[in-house]
Amino acid sequence: MNLSGQLADWTMDDLLQIVHVTKKTGSLDIVGARKGRVHFREGKITGAELHSSRGVYAGTDPAGLAGIVSVLGSLEVGGLDTGSAAGA
């Protein structure tokens, strides 16, 4: 999967829909006021990480994933890039 750009050009809903419909495997890296990564396998979210000054919060359960995706989705300034399936 190869996708990159600015958060101002994409909403998290758009990105999640693209990954889901195309059944991609890999990771989506978000870097803005916060930094995080969302892992996908065959279009489904399998894990996510949110980095902070206190460390890394990793979510694999539905509530944890929803919280991380919500925080990353609230960012309006920054960049996004896709990566390998490591951790997916």
Foldseek 3Di string as FASTA:
>chain_A
DWDKDWLLVDALVRVLVVLQVQQDFFKKWWDDPWTKIFGGGGSDTQKMWTQDPVGIDIDGDPVSVVVRSVVSRVDNGTMMTIGGNVVD
